[in-house]
Amino acid sequence: MTRVGCSRAITAGGLLLAVWFSGCVAPEAPVPEEQATANVSDEPAPQADGAELPRGIESIRLDGNVALLAPRQRAMVLHLVAAAFEMNAIFWQQSYGQRGEFLDSVTDPSLRRWAEFNYGPWDRFRDNLPFIDGHGPRPRGGRLYPTDMSADEFLSMNLPEMRQPLTVVGRATNGGLTTVPYREAYRESLERAARQLAMAADHCDDPYFKRYLTLRARALITDDYGPSDLAWARLRGNMVDLVLGPVDHGEDDLFGLKSFYSGWVLLADQPWTQRLGRFAEQLPAFRRTMPLARDGHQEELGATAVSGVYDAVFVSGAANAGPKASVVQISLKDRVGRPVATKRLYLRNVMRARFERTTLPLGQEMIVRDQRRWISFNAFLDNVALADLARGPSSVVSSARSALRERFELIDDSRSGALGIHLLGWLHDLGEPSLEELDGHLVTFVAALLEDIYRGGSDPRASEAILQFNYLKAYGAVTREKATGRYRVHAAAAREALGSLATQLMFIEGNRDYEAAGRFLEDMGGLDAVLKNDLQRLSGTEFPLGLVFEQSPEALGLR
C-alpha cells in the first residue's frame, strides 16, 4: 500500500510501493485478548483548536455524515479511530524519537502545537527547516537508521534484513549494524491497535469487512500484511473503510526502503463511487475510439482501477504529517512484482477544502464574470478522477519512461489531464453528464490550470499546467479580455483542443519518440509575459500554504 498525491491534489507526485503477498494465509497468530475500550490514548491528537498557526496554514474540521450510520457502525468507527490513533505514537518514534520528552522541553504554546502537527521540530510545509532552536537538519530516513551511519556503511553490509521495509536499523553492541522487526520495535502500540481492530470487528455486520479487520489486527502483530491486503482489495460496497499500517514509503529519503505507519478512517460516498465505476466500465469502448500510434497500442490506453470517493474522518501518522494527500492510491503486487490490484481513494472533504480556499477564489479572479458560475467542486473532483483513469498501465509507463527519459513525466502528466477531459466529452456524448456539466468541467479545468501556474515553483504541476494552457490558447480555446485581463473558455474549442493534445502526446509516447517530446516541450513550454502580469493581480491575496486537521471523536459527533 502506498500513499500518493494526484495531478490536482494538495500533494504532488506519485510513490509506488509493492506489497508482497505470501501466497497463502499466515498461521493463526492470536490477537491479544486483554480487555480494552475505544477510548483514545491520553496523549491528544494534534488539534488546530485554539492554536496560533503559522502564516499560510489553515485548519479544517474532519467530519462525515456519521448520522447515517447504525449504532453498531458508530461503535465500530470509534474503535477504528482508536486503532488509527496508535499510528501517531509509532510515527513519532519513526520520525523523531521520544515524543513526551521533546514536547515537555518546548515551553512556547504555539511552537509546541506546531511541533505536534509536524511530529517533530522540522517544518514539513517549508522543506523540513528546523523551527525550534537547538535542532539541526532532519535526519534522512528519520529514526529508522542510526544517525551516525553513512550510506557507504549501509551499502557495504550483506544483511538482507536491513533492506526489508519492516525493520529498524540500529547499532549493535559491537558497533556494527543490526535490525529489529517492526512487530518488536513498536510492540505496545501495535498490540493496542490490534485490540481495537478486534473489537471493531465484533461490532461489524459486514462479513467481508469483518474478515479484513480481523486479518489486519493479526498483521499488526506479525508483520505479515499480505492476507489482509488481499482481503481489503476485494472489498466492495462497504460504508466504512480503513487504511492502516506501514503503508507510507515517502518518508525514507535516504534509501527509499522503509515503510512508515499511517492511518485513515473513511466514510464512503456510494453514489459518487458508483458514478466513477460507470466511467471505468466505459474505458474499453473509449480505447477503441482512439487513434493508434502503433499496432496494439490501443490496448495500452487508460488504466483500470477500483476507485472510491470518501470523507476522511480521522487521519494519523505519516498521512497527517505536513502537506495532506487528497488522493490515496493503493497498489498491490505479488512476490514477483506483477500488479494484483489498484484502488484509488478520493478524499472528498480534503479536496473540497483545497478547492474552496484556493481554486475557487483564484478562478473567480481570473475567469470572466459570466463564466464564474461554472467553477464547481463536483467538476473539480471529476477532472482529477478522469485524469487518473486516463493513465496508462504500469508496464506501458515503464516502457515509455525508459524511452522518453527525463521528458516522460511532463509528457505523461499533460497527456493524462487532457485525455481525462476528452474522456469526459465522450461520456457526455453517451448521455452521462449534461451539457451544463460539460461546460463546468472545462471552465473548472482552466481555473485549476491557472492556480497551478500561479503557484509556480512551489507546485511541481506548474510546468504541466503551462503546457496545457499554452496549447489551449494557441488553439483559440482560451482567450483574454483586454479590458479586464481575465480569461474566457470556449467550451467546444477547448474540448476539441484537449482531444488534439491528448492524441499528439499519445503518439509521442506510443512511438517512444524522444526528439518529438523535446520539440513539443520547447514549443509549448514557458510562461508568457502577459499571463505572468495578469497573475500579479493575485499578489495581495493570501492562499493557504497548507492545511492541518481538527479531528476527534467529539468532532464527529460520536461522543
Protein backbone atom coordinates (compact mmCIF):
# COMPACT_ATOMS: atom_id res chain seq x y z
CA MET A 1 0.00 0.00 0.00
CA THR A 2 1.24 3.45 -0.79
CA ARG A 3 0.01 6.96 -0.26
CA VAL A 4 0.20 9.30 -3.24
CA GLY A 5 -0.99 12.64 -4.44
CA CYS A 6 -2.69 13.26 -7.77
CA SER A 7 -2.43 15.73 -10.61
CA ARG A 8 -4.81 18.14 -8.94
CA ALA A 9 -4.33 17.15 -5.35
CA ILE A 10 -2.82 19.00 -2.41
CA THR A 11 0.30 16.94 -2.55
CA ALA A 12 2.10 16.20 -5.76
CA GLY A 13 3.99 13.27 -7.17
CA GLY A 14 3.39 9.53 -7.07
CA LEU A 15 5.06 6.88 -4.91
CA LEU A 16 4.54 3.19 -5.60
CA LEU A 17 5.29 0.53 -3.01
CA ALA A 18 4.74 -3.13 -3.74
CA VAL A 19 3.06 -5.16 -1.00
CA TRP A 20 4.23 -8.74 -1.13
CA PHE A 21 1.55 -11.41 -0.88
CA SER A 22 2.57 -14.53 0.96
CA GLY A 23 0.58 -16.72 -1.40
CA CYS A 24 -1.37 -18.21 1.47
CA VAL A 25 -2.97 -17.10 4.70
CA ALA A 26 -0.48 -16.76 7.54
CA PRO A 27 -0.69 -19.07 10.54
CA GLU A 28 -3.35 -18.06 13.01
CA ALA A 29 -1.50 -15.70 15.34
CA PRO A 30 -3.80 -14.80 18.20
CA VAL A 31 -4.78 -11.20 18.80
CA PRO A 32 -4.05 -10.25 22.44
CA GLU A 33 -7.18 -10.78 24.50
CA GLU A 34 -6.56 -8.07 27.09
CA GLN A 35 -9.71 -6.02 27.57
CA ALA A 36 -9.70 -2.52 26.10
CA THR A 37 -12.16 0.23 25.30
CA ALA A 38 -12.49 2.59 22.40
CA ASN A 39 -11.08 5.43 24.49
CA VAL A 40 -8.28 7.15 22.62
CA SER A 41 -4.95 7.44 24.42
CA ASP A 42 -4.39 10.21 26.95
CA GLU A 43 -1.97 11.80 24.52
CA PRO A 44 -4.13 14.08 22.35
CA ALA A 45 -4.02 14.07 18.59
CA PRO A 46 -2.69 17.31 17.07
CA GLN A 47 -5.55 19.81 17.03
CA ALA A 48 -5.92 23.24 15.47
CA ASP A 49 -8.42 24.38 18.12
CA GLY A 50 -7.12 27.49 19.86
CA ALA A 51 -3.69 27.15 18.27
CA GLU A 52 -1.87 30.09 16.80
CA LEU A 53 -0.96 28.63 13.44
CA PRO A 54 1.91 29.96 11.30
CA ARG A 55 1.04 32.30 8.48
CA GLY A 56 -0.30 30.47 5.46
CA ILE A 57 -1.57 27.44 7.41
CA GLU A 58 -5.31 26.91 7.76
CA SER A 59 -7.25 24.31 9.70
CA ILE A 60 -10.19 22.23 8.51
CA ARG A 61 -12.54 20.11 10.56
CA LEU A 62 -12.67 16.48 9.54
CA ASP A 63 -16.20 15.21 9.72
CA GLY A 64 -18.57 12.94 7.87
CA ASN A 65 -22.21 12.10 7.88
CA VAL A 66 -21.99 9.68 10.80
CA ALA A 67 -25.69 10.24 11.46
CA LEU A 68 -26.34 7.79 8.62
CA LEU A 69 -24.51 5.04 10.50
CA ALA A 70 -26.31 2.47 12.61
CA PRO A 71 -25.39 2.37 16.32
CA ARG A 72 -23.14 -0.66 15.85
CA GLN A 73 -21.36 1.06 12.95
CA ARG A 74 -20.80 4.15 15.10
CA ALA A 75 -19.29 1.98 17.81
CA MET A 76 -17.10 0.32 15.18
CA VAL A 77 -15.85 3.69 13.94
CA LEU A 78 -14.86 4.67 17.49
CA HIS A 79 -12.68 1.56 17.73
CA LEU A 80 -11.20 2.25 14.28
CA VAL A 81 -10.30 5.80 15.33
CA ALA A 82 -8.67 4.42 18.48
CA ALA A 83 -6.64 1.95 16.38
CA ALA A 84 -5.62 4.68 13.92
CA PHE A 85 -4.58 6.89 16.82
CA GLU A 86 -1.86 4.40 17.73
CA MET A 87 -0.19 5.14 14.40
CA ASN A 88 0.60 8.60 15.79
CA ALA A 89 2.68 7.15 18.61
CA ILE A 90 4.58 4.87 16.24
CA PHE A 91 5.21 7.60 13.70
CA TRP A 92 6.59 9.89 16.39
CA GLN A 93 9.18 7.22 17.14
CA GLN A 94 9.94 6.72 13.46
CA SER A 95 10.19 10.43 12.69
CA TYR A 96 11.75 11.99 15.78
CA GLY A 97 12.04 9.73 18.81
CA GLN A 98 10.51 10.20 22.22
CA ARG A 99 7.51 12.49 21.90
CA GLY A 100 6.88 13.32 25.54
CA GLU A 101 10.42 14.34 26.47
CA PHE A 102 10.71 16.56 23.41
CA LEU A 103 7.36 18.31 23.83
CA ASP A 104 8.00 18.90 27.52
CA SER A 105 11.09 20.88 26.51
CA VAL A 106 9.07 23.23 24.28
CA THR A 107 7.64 25.93 26.55
CA ASP A 108 6.12 28.22 23.90
CA PRO A 109 2.50 27.01 23.40
CA SER A 110 2.40 27.96 19.70
CA LEU A 111 5.72 26.25 18.95
CA ARG A 112 4.61 23.20 20.90
CA ARG A 113 1.38 22.95 18.93
CA TRP A 114 3.23 23.40 15.64
CA ALA A 115 5.69 20.69 16.69
CA GLU A 116 2.75 18.35 17.30
CA PHE A 117 1.44 18.96 13.79
CA ASN A 118 4.89 18.32 12.33
CA TYR A 119 5.72 15.32 14.54
CA GLY A 120 8.99 16.98 15.49
CA PRO A 121 10.96 20.25 15.23
CA TRP A 122 11.12 20.35 11.44
CA ASP A 123 8.59 22.32 9.38
CA ARG A 124 7.23 19.89 6.82
CA PHE A 125 5.42 22.69 4.98
CA ARG A 126 8.71 24.55 4.41
CA ASP A 127 11.25 21.97 3.25
CA ASN A 128 11.77 20.49 6.73
CA LEU A 129 13.59 23.54 8.07
CA PRO A 130 14.05 23.39 11.87
CA PHE A 131 11.83 25.89 13.70
CA ILE A 132 12.97 25.19 17.25
CA ASP A 133 16.41 26.31 18.45
CA GLY A 134 18.92 23.59 19.12
CA HIS A 135 17.79 21.26 16.35
CA GLY A 136 19.73 20.76 13.15
CA PRO A 137 18.57 19.34 9.82
CA ARG A 138 16.11 16.46 9.87
CA PRO A 139 17.94 13.11 9.75
CA ARG A 140 17.47 11.49 6.38
CA GLY A 141 15.38 8.36 6.74
CA GLY A 142 14.03 9.56 10.08
CA ARG A 143 14.90 7.34 13.06
CA LEU A 144 14.91 4.09 11.12
CA TYR A 145 18.68 4.26 10.64
CA PRO A 146 21.46 5.24 13.07
CA THR A 147 22.15 8.97 12.76
CA ASP A 148 25.90 8.30 12.59
CA MET A 149 25.57 5.73 9.79
CA SER A 150 26.99 6.58 6.38
CA ALA A 151 25.46 5.42 3.14
CA ASP A 152 28.65 3.50 2.32
CA GLU A 153 28.46 1.64 5.62
CA PHE A 154 24.89 0.58 4.94
CA LEU A 155 25.57 -0.49 1.37
CA SER A 156 28.65 -2.47 2.40
CA MET A 157 26.68 -4.69 4.80
CA ASN A 158 25.43 -8.02 3.49
CA LEU A 159 22.37 -8.25 5.73
CA PRO A 160 19.16 -8.77 3.71
CA GLU A 161 17.06 -7.81 6.76
CA MET A 162 18.44 -4.27 6.58
CA ARG A 163 16.77 -3.75 3.23
CA GLN A 164 13.41 -5.09 4.32
CA PRO A 165 10.72 -2.38 4.61
CA LEU A 166 9.56 -3.51 8.07
CA THR A 167 12.79 -3.35 10.08
CA VAL A 168 14.55 -0.67 12.11
CA VAL A 169 18.31 -0.48 11.53
CA GLY A 170 20.28 0.18 14.72
CA ARG A 171 23.70 -0.07 16.27
CA ALA A 172 24.83 -3.42 17.64
CA THR A 173 26.84 -3.65 20.86
CA ASN A 174 29.99 -4.28 18.81
CA GLY A 175 29.50 -1.07 16.87
CA GLY A 176 28.14 -2.73 13.74
CA LEU A 177 24.62 -2.62 12.36
CA THR A 178 21.68 -4.73 13.44
CA THR A 179 17.94 -4.83 12.77
CA VAL A 180 14.77 -5.04 14.83
CA PRO A 181 11.43 -6.07 13.21
CA TYR A 182 8.64 -3.52 13.47
CA ARG A 183 6.49 -6.00 15.38
CA GLU A 184 9.08 -5.87 18.17
CA ALA A 185 10.18 -2.25 17.92
CA TYR A 186 6.62 -0.93 18.28
CA ARG A 187 5.02 -3.86 20.10
CA GLU A 188 3.00 -1.94 22.70
CA SER A 189 1.31 0.42 20.24
CA LEU A 190 0.72 -2.36 17.72
CA GLU A 191 -0.91 -4.59 20.32
CA ARG A 192 -3.19 -1.75 21.44
CA ALA A 193 -4.16 -1.08 17.82
CA ALA A 194 -4.76 -4.80 17.20
CA ARG A 195 -7.10 -4.99 20.20
CA GLN A 196 -9.09 -2.03 18.90
CA LEU A 197 -9.41 -3.66 15.47
CA ALA A 198 -10.57 -6.88 17.05
CA MET A 199 -13.27 -5.00 18.95
CA ALA A 200 -14.21 -3.10 15.81
CA ALA A 201 -14.67 -6.47 14.10
CA ASP A 202 -17.01 -7.50 16.92
CA HIS A 203 -19.26 -4.54 16.01
CA CYS A 204 -19.09 -5.18 12.26
CA ASP A 205 -22.05 -6.76 10.46
CA ASP A 206 -20.37 -6.83 7.02
CA PRO A 207 -18.68 -10.26 6.85
CA TYR A 208 -16.06 -9.14 4.30
CA PHE A 209 -15.04 -6.00 6.19
CA LYS A 210 -15.09 -8.02 9.43
CA ARG A 211 -12.64 -10.50 7.92
CA TYR A 212 -10.39 -7.67 6.77
CA LEU A 213 -10.32 -6.12 10.25
CA THR A 214 -9.53 -9.49 11.84
CA LEU A 215 -6.71 -10.15 9.40
CA ARG A 216 -5.37 -6.61 9.78
CA ALA A 217 -5.27 -6.96 13.56
CA ARG A 218 -3.25 -10.13 13.11
CA ALA A 219 -0.96 -8.43 10.60
CA LEU A 220 -0.07 -5.63 13.01
CA ILE A 221 1.47 -8.07 15.48
CA THR A 222 3.05 -10.44 12.95
CA ASP A 223 4.30 -8.08 10.20
CA ASP A 224 2.56 -10.34 7.65
CA TYR A 225 0.28 -7.96 5.75
CA GLY A 226 -0.34 -9.99 2.60
CA PRO A 227 -3.58 -11.76 3.63
CA SER A 228 -5.20 -8.60 4.98
CA ASP A 229 -4.14 -6.60 1.90
CA LEU A 230 -5.78 -9.18 -0.33
CA ALA A 231 -8.95 -9.12 1.80
CA TRP A 232 -9.02 -5.32 1.57
CA ALA A 233 -8.51 -5.32 -2.20
CA ARG A 234 -11.63 -7.49 -2.56
CA LEU A 235 -13.90 -5.19 -0.54
CA ARG A 236 -16.83 -3.63 -2.38
CA GLY A 237 -19.70 -1.51 -1.16
CA ASN A 238 -18.57 -1.09 2.45
CA MET A 239 -19.81 2.17 4.01
CA VAL A 240 -16.83 2.42 6.38
CA ASP A 241 -13.26 1.85 5.26
CA LEU A 242 -9.86 1.74 6.91
CA VAL A 243 -6.30 2.00 5.64
CA LEU A 244 -3.86 1.38 8.48
CA GLY A 245 -0.32 0.17 8.98
CA PRO A 246 3.16 0.69 7.49
CA VAL A 247 1.84 1.99 4.17
CA ASP A 248 3.89 5.15 3.54
CA HIS A 249 7.21 4.92 1.72
CA GLY A 250 7.88 8.60 1.12
CA GLU A 251 9.42 9.42 4.49
CA ASP A 252 12.56 7.38 3.80
CA ASP A 253 14.53 9.97 1.85
CA LEU A 254 17.79 8.11 2.49
CA PHE A 255 17.30 4.83 0.63
CA GLY A 256 13.55 4.70 -0.05
CA LEU A 257 13.35 1.29 1.62
CA LYS A 258 11.47 1.71 4.88
CA SER A 259 7.73 1.96 5.43
CA PHE A 260 6.15 4.40 7.89
CA TYR A 261 2.89 3.97 9.75
CA SER A 262 -0.28 5.83 8.72
CA GLY A 263 -3.99 5.55 9.32
CA TRP A 264 -7.14 6.71 7.53
CA VAL A 265 -10.67 6.11 8.79
CA LEU A 266 -13.09 6.78 5.94
CA LEU A 267 -16.81 7.05 5.20
CA ALA A 268 -17.79 6.16 1.65
CA ASP A 269 -19.95 8.20 -0.72
CA GLN A 270 -21.63 5.32 -2.51
CA PRO A 271 -23.45 7.29 -5.27
CA TRP A 272 -20.30 9.09 -6.34
CA THR A 273 -18.25 5.91 -6.14
CA GLN A 274 -20.80 4.13 -8.34
CA ARG A 275 -20.59 7.00 -10.82
CA LEU A 276 -16.81 6.59 -11.08
CA GLY A 277 -17.42 2.89 -11.54
CA ARG A 278 -19.64 3.62 -14.54
CA PHE A 279 -16.89 5.78 -16.01
CA ALA A 280 -14.34 2.99 -15.58
CA GLU A 281 -16.66 0.45 -17.22
CA GLN A 282 -16.68 2.57 -20.37
CA LEU A 283 -12.89 2.60 -20.75
CA PRO A 284 -12.64 -0.41 -23.12
CA ALA A 285 -15.12 1.20 -25.52
CA PHE A 286 -13.36 4.56 -25.19
CA ARG A 287 -10.00 2.99 -26.03
CA ARG A 288 -11.40 1.74 -29.33
CA THR A 289 -12.18 5.31 -30.39
CA MET A 290 -8.60 6.50 -30.03
CA PRO A 291 -6.07 6.57 -32.90
CA LEU A 292 -3.24 4.10 -32.78
CA ALA A 293 0.37 5.18 -32.62
CA ARG A 294 1.45 1.65 -33.49
CA ASP A 295 -0.07 -1.79 -33.73
CA GLY A 296 -1.56 -2.91 -30.46
CA HIS A 297 -1.22 0.48 -28.75
CA GLN A 298 -4.99 0.67 -28.47
CA GLU A 299 -4.98 -1.72 -25.50
CA GLU A 300 -2.41 0.42 -23.70
CA LEU A 301 -4.56 3.49 -23.27
CA GLY A 302 -6.06 4.07 -19.87
CA ALA A 303 -5.75 2.12 -16.64
CA THR A 304 -8.46 0.26 -14.84
CA ALA A 305 -8.56 0.56 -11.07
CA VAL A 306 -11.16 0.43 -8.37
CA SER A 307 -11.92 3.99 -7.27
CA GLY A 308 -13.96 5.32 -4.40
CA VAL A 309 -14.97 8.71 -3.01
CA TYR A 310 -14.76 9.11 0.76
CA ASP A 311 -14.83 11.61 3.57
CA ALA A 312 -11.79 11.23 5.80
CA VAL A 313 -12.93 11.30 9.43
CA PHE A 314 -9.58 10.55 11.07
CA VAL A 315 -6.04 10.70 9.67
CA SER A 316 -2.92 9.76 11.60
CA GLY A 317 0.79 9.08 11.43
CA ALA A 318 2.71 9.90 8.27
CA ALA A 319 -0.57 10.69 6.49
CA ASN A 320 -1.19 13.52 8.97
CA ALA A 321 2.33 14.99 8.83
CA GLY A 322 2.90 18.04 6.66
CA PRO A 323 1.03 18.58 3.38
CA LYS A 324 -2.06 16.42 3.20
CA ALA A 325 -2.75 13.94 0.42
CA SER A 326 -6.24 14.23 -1.02
CA VAL A 327 -5.91 11.03 -3.06
CA VAL A 328 -4.63 7.76 -1.64
CA GLN A 329 -3.55 5.18 -4.20
CA ILE A 330 -3.05 1.64 -3.02
CA SER A 331 -1.11 -0.58 -5.42
CA LEU A 332 -0.72 -4.25 -4.59
CA LYS A 333 1.74 -6.57 -6.28
CA ASP A 334 2.62 -10.22 -5.87
CA ARG A 335 6.03 -11.58 -4.95
CA VAL A 336 7.42 -11.25 -8.48
CA GLY A 337 6.18 -7.70 -8.96
CA ARG A 338 3.08 -8.38 -11.05
CA PRO A 339 0.18 -5.97 -10.45
CA VAL A 340 -2.61 -7.59 -8.45
CA ALA A 341 -4.93 -4.71 -7.63
CA THR A 342 -5.04 -0.94 -7.51
CA LYS A 343 -7.50 1.17 -5.52
CA ARG A 344 -7.75 4.94 -5.53
CA LEU A 345 -9.42 6.68 -2.62
CA TYR A 346 -10.52 10.27 -3.29
CA LEU A 347 -10.80 12.15 0.00
CA ARG A 348 -13.63 14.49 -0.82
CA ASN A 349 -13.53 16.72 2.25
CA VAL A 350 -9.78 17.29 1.90
CA MET A 351 -10.15 18.04 -1.82
CA ARG A 352 -13.06 20.37 -1.13
CA ALA A 353 -11.01 22.32 1.41
CA ARG A 354 -8.29 22.97 -1.16
CA PHE A 355 -10.86 23.85 -3.83
CA GLU A 356 -12.81 26.31 -1.67
CA ARG A 357 -9.73 28.01 -0.28
CA THR A 358 -7.65 28.28 -3.46
CA THR A 359 -9.11 27.09 -6.76
CA LEU A 360 -12.46 28.83 -6.43
CA PRO A 361 -11.28 32.30 -5.29
CA LEU A 362 -8.45 32.28 -7.82
CA GLY A 363 -10.82 31.24 -10.59
CA GLN A 364 -13.28 33.98 -9.64
CA GLU A 365 -10.49 36.50 -10.09
CA MET A 366 -9.02 35.12 -13.33
CA ILE A 367 -12.10 33.84 -15.22
CA VAL A 368 -14.54 36.23 -16.93
CA ARG A 369 -17.53 37.17 -14.81
CA ASP A 370 -20.25 35.35 -16.76
CA GLN A 371 -18.36 32.01 -16.58
CA ARG A 372 -17.50 32.02 -12.89
CA ARG A 373 -20.71 30.19 -12.01
CA TRP A 374 -19.38 27.17 -13.89
CA ILE A 375 -16.47 26.68 -11.47
CA SER A 376 -17.63 23.85 -9.20
CA PHE A 377 -16.20 21.32 -6.81
CA ASN A 378 -18.05 18.42 -8.44
CA ALA A 379 -16.33 19.21 -11.73
CA PHE A 380 -13.00 19.59 -9.93
CA LEU A 381 -13.22 16.10 -8.42
CA ASP A 382 -14.40 14.56 -11.68
CA ASN A 383 -11.46 16.13 -13.54
CA VAL A 384 -8.98 14.65 -11.05
CA ALA A 385 -10.57 11.19 -11.23
CA LEU A 386 -10.84 11.18 -15.03
CA ALA A 387 -7.17 12.14 -15.38
CA ASP A 388 -6.29 9.17 -13.19
CA LEU A 389 -8.47 6.87 -15.27
CA ALA A 390 -6.59 8.05 -18.35
CA ARG A 391 -3.20 6.99 -17.04
CA GLY A 392 -1.52 4.02 -18.65
CA PRO A 393 -0.83 0.59 -17.10
CA SER A 394 2.47 0.23 -15.26
CA SER A 395 4.01 -1.96 -17.97
CA VAL A 396 3.35 0.71 -20.60
CA VAL A 397 4.51 3.51 -18.33
CA SER A 398 7.80 1.71 -17.70
CA SER A 399 8.50 1.26 -21.41
CA ALA A 400 7.64 4.87 -22.30
CA ARG A 401 9.61 6.20 -19.33
CA SER A 402 12.73 4.38 -20.49
CA ALA A 403 12.41 5.85 -23.98
CA LEU A 404 11.45 9.43 -23.09
CA ARG A 405 13.73 9.61 -20.04
CA GLU A 406 13.62 13.00 -18.26
CA ARG A 407 10.85 14.19 -20.60
CA PHE A 408 8.43 11.41 -19.71
CA GLU A 409 6.81 12.77 -16.53
CA LEU A 410 5.81 16.09 -18.06
CA ILE A 411 4.58 14.50 -21.28
CA ASP A 412 2.60 11.78 -19.48
CA ASP A 413 1.02 14.10 -16.91
CA SER A 414 -0.03 16.50 -19.66
CA ARG A 415 -1.45 13.64 -21.70
CA SER A 416 -3.43 12.23 -18.78
CA GLY A 417 -5.03 15.56 -17.88
CA ALA A 418 -6.03 16.27 -21.48
CA LEU A 419 -7.20 12.71 -22.13
CA GLY A 420 -9.32 12.80 -18.99
CA ILE A 421 -11.27 15.78 -20.31
CA HIS A 422 -11.52 14.14 -23.72
CA LEU A 423 -12.98 11.08 -21.97
CA LEU A 424 -15.44 13.38 -20.23
CA GLY A 425 -16.63 14.72 -23.58
CA TRP A 426 -17.03 11.21 -24.90
CA LEU A 427 -19.09 10.26 -21.83
CA HIS A 428 -21.18 13.38 -22.36
CA ASP A 429 -21.98 12.24 -25.89
CA LEU A 430 -23.17 8.94 -24.43
CA GLY A 431 -25.58 10.90 -22.23
CA GLU A 432 -23.73 10.65 -18.91
CA PRO A 433 -23.32 14.29 -17.83
CA SER A 434 -25.49 17.18 -19.04
CA LEU A 435 -24.13 19.82 -21.40
CA GLU A 436 -24.13 22.24 -18.48
CA GLU A 437 -21.87 19.91 -16.54
CA LEU A 438 -19.54 19.63 -19.50
CA ASP A 439 -19.09 23.40 -19.69
CA GLY A 440 -18.45 23.45 -15.96
CA HIS A 441 -15.77 20.77 -16.21
CA LEU A 442 -13.94 22.73 -18.91
CA VAL A 443 -14.05 26.06 -17.09
CA THR A 444 -13.05 24.40 -13.82
CA PHE A 445 -10.19 22.67 -15.63
CA VAL A 446 -8.81 26.01 -16.82
CA ALA A 447 -9.27 27.58 -13.38
CA ALA A 448 -7.21 24.74 -11.87
CA LEU A 449 -4.52 25.26 -14.53
CA LEU A 450 -4.29 28.93 -13.60
CA GLU A 451 -3.97 28.01 -9.94
CA ASP A 452 -1.09 25.63 -10.64
CA ILE A 453 0.64 28.24 -12.82
CA TYR A 454 0.21 30.88 -10.13
CA ARG A 455 1.88 28.64 -7.55
CA GLY A 456 4.84 28.31 -9.90
CA GLY A 457 7.97 26.83 -8.43
CA SER A 458 6.19 25.83 -5.22
CA ASP A 459 3.98 23.43 -7.17
CA PRO A 460 5.57 20.77 -9.41
CA ARG A 461 2.40 20.75 -11.53
CA ALA A 462 3.09 24.26 -12.78
CA SER A 463 5.08 23.09 -15.84
CA GLU A 464 2.30 20.67 -16.82
CA ALA A 465 -0.31 23.42 -16.43
CA ILE A 466 1.72 25.86 -18.56
CA LEU A 467 1.92 23.31 -21.39
CA GLN A 468 -1.81 22.64 -21.34
CA PHE A 469 -2.77 26.32 -21.01
CA ASN A 470 -0.46 27.37 -23.85
CA TYR A 471 -1.91 24.66 -26.08
CA LEU A 472 -5.47 25.80 -25.33
CA LYS A 473 -4.52 29.41 -26.00
CA ALA A 474 -2.77 28.59 -29.28
CA TYR A 475 -5.87 26.63 -30.34
CA GLY A 476 -8.11 29.61 -29.63
CA ALA A 477 -9.90 27.70 -26.89
CA VAL A 478 -8.93 30.22 -24.20
CA THR A 479 -8.90 33.93 -24.95
CA ARG A 480 -8.06 37.00 -22.90
CA GLU A 481 -10.31 40.01 -22.41
CA LYS A 482 -8.07 43.02 -22.90
CA ALA A 483 -10.17 45.32 -20.75
CA THR A 484 -10.10 43.12 -17.65
CA GLY A 485 -7.15 40.77 -18.13
CA ARG A 486 -9.45 37.84 -17.44
CA TYR A 487 -9.84 34.66 -19.46
CA ARG A 488 -12.75 33.12 -21.33
CA VAL A 489 -13.08 29.41 -22.04
CA HIS A 490 -14.68 28.47 -25.36
CA ALA A 491 -16.13 25.11 -24.46
CA ALA A 492 -16.41 23.49 -27.89
CA ALA A 493 -12.94 24.60 -28.92
CA ALA A 494 -11.48 23.58 -25.56
CA ARG A 495 -12.91 20.11 -25.87
CA GLU A 496 -11.51 19.78 -29.38
CA ALA A 497 -8.13 21.19 -28.35
CA LEU A 498 -7.71 18.81 -25.43
CA GLY A 499 -8.61 15.86 -27.64
CA SER A 500 -5.97 17.02 -30.11
CA LEU A 501 -3.40 17.48 -27.36
CA ALA A 502 -4.11 14.01 -25.92
CA THR A 503 -3.75 12.43 -29.36
CA GLN A 504 -0.47 14.22 -30.10
CA LEU A 505 1.06 13.19 -26.79
CA MET A 506 -0.19 9.60 -27.13
CA PHE A 507 1.61 9.34 -30.46
CA ILE A 508 4.79 10.67 -28.85
CA GLU A 509 4.53 8.14 -26.04
CA GLY A 510 3.34 5.29 -28.26
CA ASN A 511 6.19 5.82 -30.73
CA ARG A 512 8.68 6.33 -27.87
CA ASP A 513 9.79 9.48 -29.71
CA TYR A 514 12.30 11.31 -27.53
CA GLU A 515 13.00 14.02 -30.11
CA ALA A 516 9.32 14.78 -30.71
CA ALA A 517 8.84 15.08 -26.95
CA GLY A 518 11.64 17.65 -26.84
CA ARG A 519 10.15 19.69 -29.68
CA PHE A 520 6.74 19.73 -28.02
CA LEU A 521 8.14 20.84 -24.67
CA GLU A 522 10.12 23.59 -26.35
CA ASP A 523 7.15 24.83 -28.40
CA MET A 524 4.58 24.78 -25.58
CA GLY A 525 6.70 25.43 -22.51
CA GLY A 526 7.35 28.82 -20.99
CA LEU A 527 5.12 31.31 -19.19
CA ASP A 528 4.29 34.27 -21.44
CA ALA A 529 4.70 37.79 -20.07
CA VAL A 530 1.02 38.70 -20.45
CA LEU A 531 -0.27 35.85 -18.28
CA LYS A 532 2.52 36.44 -15.78
CA ASN A 533 1.46 40.07 -15.48
CA ASP A 534 -2.22 39.09 -15.10
CA LEU A 535 -1.35 36.72 -12.29
CA GLN A 536 0.40 39.56 -10.47
CA ARG A 537 -3.08 40.84 -9.55
CA LEU A 538 -3.21 37.98 -7.08
CA SER A 539 -0.04 39.06 -5.25
CA GLY A 540 -2.06 40.69 -2.48
CA THR A 541 -4.25 37.60 -2.00
CA GLU A 542 -3.09 35.02 0.51
CA PHE A 543 -3.82 31.43 -0.40
CA PRO A 544 -3.09 28.73 2.18
CA LEU A 545 0.32 27.12 2.07
CA GLY A 546 -1.06 24.05 3.77
CA LEU A 547 -3.84 22.53 5.84
CA VAL A 548 -3.99 20.96 9.28
CA PHE A 549 -6.83 18.85 10.61
CA GLU A 550 -9.18 19.27 13.53
CA GLN A 551 -10.18 15.71 14.28
CA SER A 552 -11.57 13.81 17.23
CA PRO A 553 -14.50 11.56 18.14
CA GLU A 554 -16.18 14.68 19.54
CA ALA A 555 -15.79 16.49 16.21
CA LEU A 556 -17.51 13.54 14.54
CA GLY A 557 -20.40 13.61 16.99
CA LEU A 558 -19.54 10.12 18.21
CA ARG A 559 -19.39 11.24 21.87
